[in-house]
Amino acid sequence: MAEVEIIGAALSNYVWVCRIACEEKGVPYKLTSVMPHAPEANAIHPLGKIPAMRHGEVTLCESRAICSYIDHSFDGPPLTPRDPVAAAKVEQWISIVNTAFDPVAVRQYLGGYFFSGLPDGAPDRKRIEGALEKMETQIGVLDQAVAETGHLVGKDFTLADMNVIPILYYLQELPESIRMLGKAKSLKAYIERHMTRKSVIATTPPPPPKK
């Protein structure tokens, strides 16, 4: 059978999600490490984004579609519960992460540090500081969400957790987010616990450069 190929940079939080999904399902895969708009990404994603996936004649883009394919095409523990209510709650949290948390924490805050676009590569303080109020609110929401069971949905590690863990990993590296996480005791314990999970350890990218 053809091997699954995940296409994209290891540092991308969405590429990381797809890799965790493969590890959780026990699906062998290879990582083709490319940046957005590389020929390998352009060949599959109409906008040249990452991640993309190739499995034999099947090509897919967007992490949610890739993870759904992996979940339903291979044996192994489900990434989303088969109970419809629990499955809907997983989708609910994935949507919250993708439409609210990622745009603020990753695209604005982390991007302001690591992809500032300034001539000297210095952090874009205006962009960073503009994210802080929303990000603090969102971290508080996540802290409450994981307080009861240590997971976003139920008592199992689901695709909802897989989507948020990579973002939280990067937030541990920068001063303002370190302060916020220090106050979010349940979320801090959640990060520490799930960063020791085999699928997460196996896919953790090199740490970003210090800022």
C-alpha atoms as a PDB file:
ATOM      1  CA  MET A   1       0.000   0.000   0.000  1.00  0.00           C
ATOM      2  CA  ALA A   2       1.202   3.527  -0.749  1.00  0.00           C
ATOM      3  CA  GLU A   3       2.728   5.488   2.091  1.00  0.00           C
ATOM      4  CA  VAL A   4       1.042   8.618   3.374  1.00  0.00           C
ATOM      5  CA  GLU A   5       3.048  11.748   2.556  1.00  0.00           C
ATOM      6  CA  ILE A   6       2.517  14.859   4.669  1.00  0.00           C
ATOM      7  CA  ILE A   7       3.747  17.934   2.826  1.00  0.00           C
ATOM      8  CA  GLY A   8       4.772  21.040   4.747  1.00  0.00           C
ATOM      9  CA  ALA A   9       7.201  22.557   7.236  1.00  0.00           C
ATOM     10  CA  ALA A  10       7.586  20.772  10.561  1.00  0.00           C
ATOM     11  CA  LEU A  11       7.315  24.086  12.429  1.00  0.00           C
ATOM     12  CA  SER A  12       3.776  24.707  11.110  1.00  0.00           C
ATOM     13  CA  ASN A  13       1.202  24.046  13.805  1.00  0.00           C
ATOM     14  CA  TYR A  14      -1.205  22.562  11.237  1.00  0.00           C
ATOM     15  CA  VAL A  15       1.449  20.263   9.769  1.00  0.00           C
ATOM     16  CA  TRP A  16       2.167  19.167  13.326  1.00  0.00           C
ATOM     17  CA  VAL A  17      -1.516  18.369  13.883  1.00  0.00           C
ATOM     18  CA  CYS A  18      -1.506  16.041  10.864  1.00  0.00           C
ATOM     19  CA  ARG A  19       1.625  14.302  12.056  1.00  0.00           C
ATOM     20  CA  ILE A  20       0.182  13.759  15.547  1.00  0.00           C
ATOM     21  CA  ALA A  21      -2.931  12.297  13.898  1.00  0.00           C
ATOM     22  CA  CYS A  22      -0.824   9.812  11.949  1.00  0.00           C
ATOM     23  CA  GLU A  23       1.071   8.792  15.072  1.00  0.00           C
ATOM     24  CA  GLU A  24      -2.124   8.370  17.082  1.00  0.00           C
ATOM     25  CA  LYS A  25      -3.606   6.109  14.389  1.00  0.00           C
ATOM     26  CA  GLY A  26      -0.356   4.198  13.896  1.00  0.00           C
ATOM     27  CA  VAL A  27      -0.191   5.263  10.242  1.00  0.00           C
ATOM     28  CA  PRO A  28       3.306   5.210   8.708  1.00  0.00           C
ATOM     29  CA  TYR A  29       4.046   8.423   6.841  1.00  0.00           C
ATOM     30  CA  LYS A  30       6.857  10.509   5.484  1.00  0.00           C
ATOM     31  CA  LEU A  31       7.241  14.255   5.921  1.00  0.00           C
ATOM     32  CA  THR A  32       8.200  16.243   2.838  1.00  0.00           C
ATOM     33  CA  SER A  33       9.442  19.438   4.421  1.00  0.00           C
ATOM     34  CA  VAL A  34       8.565  22.459   2.269  1.00  0.00           C
ATOM     35  CA  MET A  35       7.341  25.980   2.844  1.00  0.00           C
ATOM     36  CA  PRO A  36       4.072  27.421   1.511  1.00  0.00           C
ATOM     37  CA  HIS A  37       4.018  27.981  -2.258  1.00  0.00           C
ATOM     38  CA  ALA A  38       6.726  25.397  -2.897  1.00  0.00           C
ATOM     39  CA  PRO A  39       5.971  23.315  -6.016  1.00  0.00           C
ATOM     40  CA  GLU A  40       4.920  20.355  -3.867  1.00  0.00           C
ATOM     41  CA  ALA A  41       2.342  22.508  -2.041  1.00  0.00           C
ATOM     42  CA  ASN A  42       1.175  24.309  -5.187  1.00  0.00           C
ATOM     43  CA  ALA A  43       0.530  20.953  -6.861  1.00  0.00           C
ATOM     44  CA  ILE A  44      -2.172  20.104  -4.303  1.00  0.00           C
ATOM     45  CA  HIS A  45      -3.419  23.219  -2.525  1.00  0.00           C
ATOM     46  CA  PRO A  46      -5.107  25.758  -4.828  1.00  0.00           C
ATOM     47  CA  LEU A  47      -3.630  28.573  -2.714  1.00  0.00           C
ATOM     48  CA  GLY A  48      -0.254  26.922  -2.186  1.00  0.00           C
ATOM     49  CA  LYS A  49      -0.736  26.528   1.558  1.00  0.00           C
ATOM     50  CA  ILE A  50       0.517  23.788   3.869  1.00  0.00           C
ATOM     51  CA  PRO A  51      -0.174  21.105   4.911  1.00  0.00           C
ATOM     52  CA  ALA A  52      -1.018  18.974   1.938  1.00  0.00           C
ATOM     53  CA  MET A  53      -1.202  15.190   1.723  1.00  0.00           C
ATOM     54  CA  ARG A  54      -0.616  12.543  -0.886  1.00  0.00           C
ATOM     55  CA  HIS A  55      -1.620   8.893  -0.456  1.00  0.00           C
ATOM     56  CA  GLY A  56      -1.381   6.976  -3.675  1.00  0.00           C
ATOM     57  CA  GLU A  57      -3.828   8.659  -6.030  1.00  0.00           C
ATOM     58  CA  VAL A  58      -5.503  10.586  -3.189  1.00  0.00           C
ATOM     59  CA  THR A  59      -4.413  14.200  -2.692  1.00  0.00           C
ATOM     60  CA  LEU A  60      -5.852  16.504  -0.045  1.00  0.00           C
ATOM     61  CA  CYS A  61      -5.123  19.879   1.477  1.00  0.00           C
ATOM     62  CA  GLU A  62      -6.191  21.612   4.695  1.00  0.00           C
ATOM     63  CA  SER A  63      -5.417  19.907   8.001  1.00  0.00           C
ATOM     64  CA  ARG A  64      -9.040  19.199   8.920  1.00  0.00           C
ATOM     65  CA  ALA A  65      -9.648  17.300   5.672  1.00  0.00           C
ATOM     66  CA  ILE A  66      -6.353  15.429   5.986  1.00  0.00           C
ATOM     67  CA  CYS A  67      -7.060  14.391   9.578  1.00  0.00           C
ATOM     68  CA  SER A  68     -10.585  13.287   8.672  1.00  0.00           C
ATOM     69  CA  TYR A  69      -9.179  11.097   5.904  1.00  0.00           C
ATOM     70  CA  ILE A  70      -6.581   9.596   8.235  1.00  0.00           C
ATOM     71  CA  ASP A  71      -9.184   8.984  10.924  1.00  0.00           C
ATOM     72  CA  HIS A  72     -11.674   7.205   8.677  1.00  0.00           C
ATOM     73  CA  SER A  73      -9.308   5.395   6.291  1.00  0.00           C
ATOM     74  CA  PHE A  74      -7.162   3.528   8.793  1.00  0.00           C
ATOM     75  CA  ASP A  75      -7.604   1.276  11.799  1.00  0.00           C
ATOM     76  CA  GLY A  76      -6.624   2.515  15.215  1.00  0.00           C
ATOM     77  CA  PRO A  77      -8.240   4.617  17.917  1.00  0.00           C
ATOM     78  CA  PRO A  78     -10.668   7.237  16.610  1.00  0.00           C
ATOM     79  CA  LEU A  79      -9.405  10.802  16.503  1.00  0.00           C
ATOM     80  CA  THR A  80     -12.978  12.045  16.902  1.00  0.00           C
ATOM     81  CA  PRO A  81     -15.575  10.181  18.970  1.00  0.00           C
ATOM     82  CA  ARG A  82     -18.145   8.157  17.054  1.00  0.00           C
ATOM     83  CA  ASP A  83     -20.872   9.402  19.393  1.00  0.00           C
ATOM     84  CA  PRO A  84     -22.544  12.266  17.485  1.00  0.00           C
ATOM     85  CA  VAL A  85     -22.756  14.682  20.415  1.00  0.00           C
ATOM     86  CA  ALA A  86     -19.137  14.187  21.456  1.00  0.00           C
ATOM     87  CA  ALA A  87     -18.052  14.384  17.808  1.00  0.00           C
ATOM     88  CA  ALA A  88     -19.893  17.675  17.421  1.00  0.00           C
ATOM     89  CA  LYS A  89     -18.165  19.038  20.508  1.00  0.00           C
ATOM     90  CA  VAL A  90     -14.793  18.121  19.032  1.00  0.00           C
ATOM     91  CA  GLU A  91     -15.729  19.958  15.837  1.00  0.00           C
ATOM     92  CA  GLN A  92     -16.888  22.895  17.931  1.00  0.00           C
ATOM     93  CA  TRP A  93     -13.491  23.207  19.622  1.00  0.00           C
ATOM     94  CA  ILE A  94     -11.575  22.748  16.384  1.00  0.00           C
ATOM     95  CA  SER A  95     -13.599  25.609  14.924  1.00  0.00           C
ATOM     96  CA  ILE A  96     -12.885  27.813  17.950  1.00  0.00           C
ATOM     97  CA  VAL A  97      -9.163  27.101  17.695  1.00  0.00           C
ATOM     98  CA  ASN A  98      -9.053  27.628  13.925  1.00  0.00           C
ATOM     99  CA  THR A  99     -11.203  30.749  13.712  1.00  0.00           C
ATOM    100  CA  ALA A 100     -10.346  32.542  16.969  1.00  0.00           C
ATOM    101  CA  PHE A 101      -7.266  31.223  18.777  1.00  0.00           C
ATOM    102  CA  ASP A 102      -4.999  30.576  15.777  1.00  0.00           C
ATOM    103  CA  PRO A 103      -5.589  33.997  14.122  1.00  0.00           C
ATOM    104  CA  VAL A 104      -4.693  35.823  17.344  1.00  0.00           C
ATOM    105  CA  ALA A 105      -2.069  33.604  18.987  1.00  0.00           C
ATOM    106  CA  VAL A 106      -0.311  32.318  15.863  1.00  0.00           C
ATOM    107  CA  ARG A 107      -0.905  34.709  12.959  1.00  0.00           C
ATOM    108  CA  GLN A 108      -0.748  37.904  15.029  1.00  0.00           C
ATOM    109  CA  TYR A 109       1.220  37.263  18.227  1.00  0.00           C
ATOM    110  CA  LEU A 110       3.712  34.570  17.211  1.00  0.00           C
ATOM    111  CA  GLY A 111       3.883  36.037  13.721  1.00  0.00           C
ATOM    112  CA  GLY A 112       4.773  39.405  15.229  1.00  0.00           C
ATOM    113  CA  TYR A 113       7.816  37.791  16.814  1.00  0.00           C
ATOM    114  CA  PHE A 114       8.994  35.352  14.169  1.00  0.00           C
ATOM    115  CA  PHE A 115       7.639  36.750  10.884  1.00  0.00           C
ATOM    116  CA  SER A 116       7.458  40.469  11.622  1.00  0.00           C
ATOM    117  CA  GLY A 117       8.291  41.612   8.109  1.00  0.00           C
ATOM    118  CA  LEU A 118      10.334  44.494   9.537  1.00  0.00           C
ATOM    119  CA  PRO A 119      13.570  45.276   7.697  1.00  0.00           C
ATOM    120  CA  ASP A 120      15.819  44.223  10.586  1.00  0.00           C
ATOM    121  CA  GLY A 121      13.667  41.229  11.540  1.00  0.00           C
ATOM    122  CA  ALA A 122      12.914  42.754  14.937  1.00  0.00           C
ATOM    123  CA  PRO A 123       9.611  41.848  16.634  1.00  0.00           C
ATOM    124  CA  ASP A 124       6.665  43.965  15.549  1.00  0.00           C
ATOM    125  CA  ARG A 125       5.645  45.340  18.935  1.00  0.00           C
ATOM    126  CA  LYS A 126       2.479  46.997  17.669  1.00  0.00           C
ATOM    127  CA  ARG A 127       1.250  43.732  16.198  1.00  0.00           C
ATOM    128  CA  ILE A 128       2.208  41.751  19.310  1.00  0.00           C
ATOM    129  CA  GLU A 129       0.632  44.154  21.777  1.00  0.00           C
ATOM    130  CA  GLY A 130      -2.532  44.337  19.713  1.00  0.00           C
ATOM    131  CA  ALA A 131      -3.047  40.602  20.301  1.00  0.00           C
ATOM    132  CA  LEU A 132      -2.542  40.489  24.055  1.00  0.00           C
ATOM    133  CA  GLU A 133      -5.999  41.359  25.375  1.00  0.00           C
ATOM    134  CA  LYS A 134      -7.790  38.853  23.147  1.00  0.00           C
ATOM    135  CA  MET A 135      -5.174  36.213  23.753  1.00  0.00           C
ATOM    136  CA  GLU A 136      -5.458  36.540  27.528  1.00  0.00           C
ATOM    137  CA  THR A 137      -9.228  36.075  27.275  1.00  0.00           C
ATOM    138  CA  GLN A 138      -8.818  33.031  25.036  1.00  0.00           C
ATOM    139  CA  ILE A 139      -6.244  31.433  27.332  1.00  0.00           C
ATOM    140  CA  GLY A 140      -8.703  31.884  30.191  1.00  0.00           C
ATOM    141  CA  VAL A 141     -11.400  30.134  28.166  1.00  0.00           C
ATOM    142  CA  LEU A 142      -9.087  27.214  27.428  1.00  0.00           C
ATOM    143  CA  ASP A 143      -8.024  27.045  31.076  1.00  0.00           C
ATOM    144  CA  GLN A 144     -11.633  26.609  32.135  1.00  0.00           C
ATOM    145  CA  ALA A 145     -12.351  24.111  29.360  1.00  0.00           C
ATOM    146  CA  VAL A 146      -9.639  21.646  30.399  1.00  0.00           C
ATOM    147  CA  ALA A 147     -10.011  22.083  34.157  1.00  0.00           C
ATOM    148  CA  GLU A 148     -12.431  19.190  34.726  1.00  0.00           C
ATOM    149  CA  THR A 149     -10.993  16.298  32.698  1.00  0.00           C
ATOM    150  CA  GLY A 150      -7.638  17.485  31.366  1.00  0.00           C
ATOM    151  CA  HIS A 151      -9.035  17.341  27.818  1.00  0.00           C
ATOM    152  CA  LEU A 152     -11.105  19.684  25.688  1.00  0.00           C
ATOM    153  CA  VAL A 153     -13.810  17.062  25.127  1.00  0.00           C
ATOM    154  CA  GLY A 154     -14.553  14.182  27.467  1.00  0.00           C
ATOM    155  CA  LYS A 155     -11.754  12.097  28.923  1.00  0.00           C
ATOM    156  CA  ASP A 156      -9.901  11.112  25.758  1.00  0.00           C
ATOM    157  CA  PHE A 157      -7.215  12.758  23.642  1.00  0.00           C
ATOM    158  CA  THR A 158      -9.069  13.887  20.528  1.00  0.00           C
ATOM    159  CA  LEU A 159      -8.465  15.949  17.427  1.00  0.00           C
ATOM    160  CA  ALA A 160      -9.555  18.991  19.428  1.00  0.00           C
ATOM    161  CA  ASP A 161      -6.535  18.553  21.726  1.00  0.00           C
ATOM    162  CA  MET A 162      -4.276  17.846  18.744  1.00  0.00           C
ATOM    163  CA  ASN A 163      -5.221  21.202  17.239  1.00  0.00           C
ATOM    164  CA  VAL A 164      -4.427  23.271  20.302  1.00  0.00           C
ATOM    165  CA  ILE A 165      -1.310  21.580  21.706  1.00  0.00           C
ATOM    166  CA  PRO A 166       1.101  22.854  18.991  1.00  0.00           C
ATOM    167  CA  ILE A 167      -0.033  26.440  19.562  1.00  0.00           C
ATOM    168  CA  LEU A 168       0.368  26.163  23.326  1.00  0.00           C
ATOM    169  CA  TYR A 169       3.831  24.674  22.845  1.00  0.00           C
ATOM    170  CA  TYR A 170       4.986  27.798  21.029  1.00  0.00           C
ATOM    171  CA  LEU A 171       3.334  30.118  23.531  1.00  0.00           C
ATOM    172  CA  GLN A 172       5.619  28.696  26.218  1.00  0.00           C
ATOM    173  CA  GLU A 173       8.556  30.393  24.481  1.00  0.00           C
ATOM    174  CA  LEU A 174       7.651  34.087  24.691  1.00  0.00           C
ATOM    175  CA  PRO A 175       7.390  36.503  27.634  1.00  0.00           C
ATOM    176  CA  GLU A 176       3.812  37.768  27.488  1.00  0.00           C
ATOM    177  CA  SER A 177       2.316  34.334  26.831  1.00  0.00           C
ATOM    178  CA  ILE A 178       4.529  32.746  29.505  1.00  0.00           C
ATOM    179  CA  ARG A 179       2.994  35.187  31.981  1.00  0.00           C
ATOM    180  CA  MET A 180      -0.541  34.354  30.841  1.00  0.00           C
ATOM    181  CA  LEU A 181       0.044  30.607  31.010  1.00  0.00           C
ATOM    182  CA  GLY A 182       1.557  30.996  34.469  1.00  0.00           C
ATOM    183  CA  LYS A 183      -1.830  32.200  35.715  1.00  0.00           C
ATOM    184  CA  ALA A 184      -3.756  29.446  33.893  1.00  0.00           C
ATOM    185  CA  LYS A 185      -2.960  26.560  36.232  1.00  0.00           C
ATOM    186  CA  SER A 186      -5.214  23.948  34.621  1.00  0.00           C
ATOM    187  CA  LEU A 187      -3.994  24.802  31.130  1.00  0.00           C
ATOM    188  CA  LYS A 188      -0.355  24.717  32.213  1.00  0.00           C
ATOM    189  CA  ALA A 189      -0.884  21.227  33.666  1.00  0.00           C
ATOM    190  CA  TYR A 190      -2.670  20.253  30.439  1.00  0.00           C
ATOM    191  CA  ILE A 191       0.335  21.305  28.350  1.00  0.00           C
ATOM    192  CA  GLU A 192       2.823  19.533  30.596  1.00  0.00           C
ATOM    193  CA  ARG A 193       0.786  16.333  30.524  1.00  0.00           C
ATOM    194  CA  HIS A 194       0.166  16.152  26.791  1.00  0.00           C
ATOM    195  CA  MET A 195       3.668  17.189  25.779  1.00  0.00           C
ATOM    196  CA  THR A 196       4.777  13.846  27.254  1.00  0.00           C
ATOM    197  CA  ARG A 197       2.400  11.882  24.999  1.00  0.00           C
ATOM    198  CA  LYS A 198       4.256   9.561  22.597  1.00  0.00           C
ATOM    199  CA  SER A 199       2.615  10.996  19.482  1.00  0.00           C
ATOM    200  CA  VAL A 200       3.539  14.536  20.520  1.00  0.00           C
ATOM    201  CA  ILE A 201       7.111  13.684  21.483  1.00  0.00           C
ATOM    202  CA  ALA A 202       7.629  11.862  18.176  1.00  0.00           C
ATOM    203  CA  THR A 203       6.509  14.874  16.140  1.00  0.00           C
ATOM    204  CA  THR A 204       7.782  17.857  18.162  1.00  0.00           C
ATOM    205  CA  PRO A 205       9.741  20.131  15.815  1.00  0.00           C
ATOM    206  CA  PRO A 206      12.982  21.869  16.768  1.00  0.00           C
ATOM    207  CA  PRO A 207      12.315  24.822  19.060  1.00  0.00           C
ATOM    208  CA  PRO A 208      11.935  28.195  17.380  1.00  0.00           C
ATOM    209  CA  PRO A 209      14.846  30.651  17.607  1.00  0.00           C
ATOM    210  CA  LYS A 210      14.965  32.620  20.838  1.00  0.00           C
ATOM    211  CA  LYS A 211      13.560  36.146  20.707  1.00  0.00           C
END
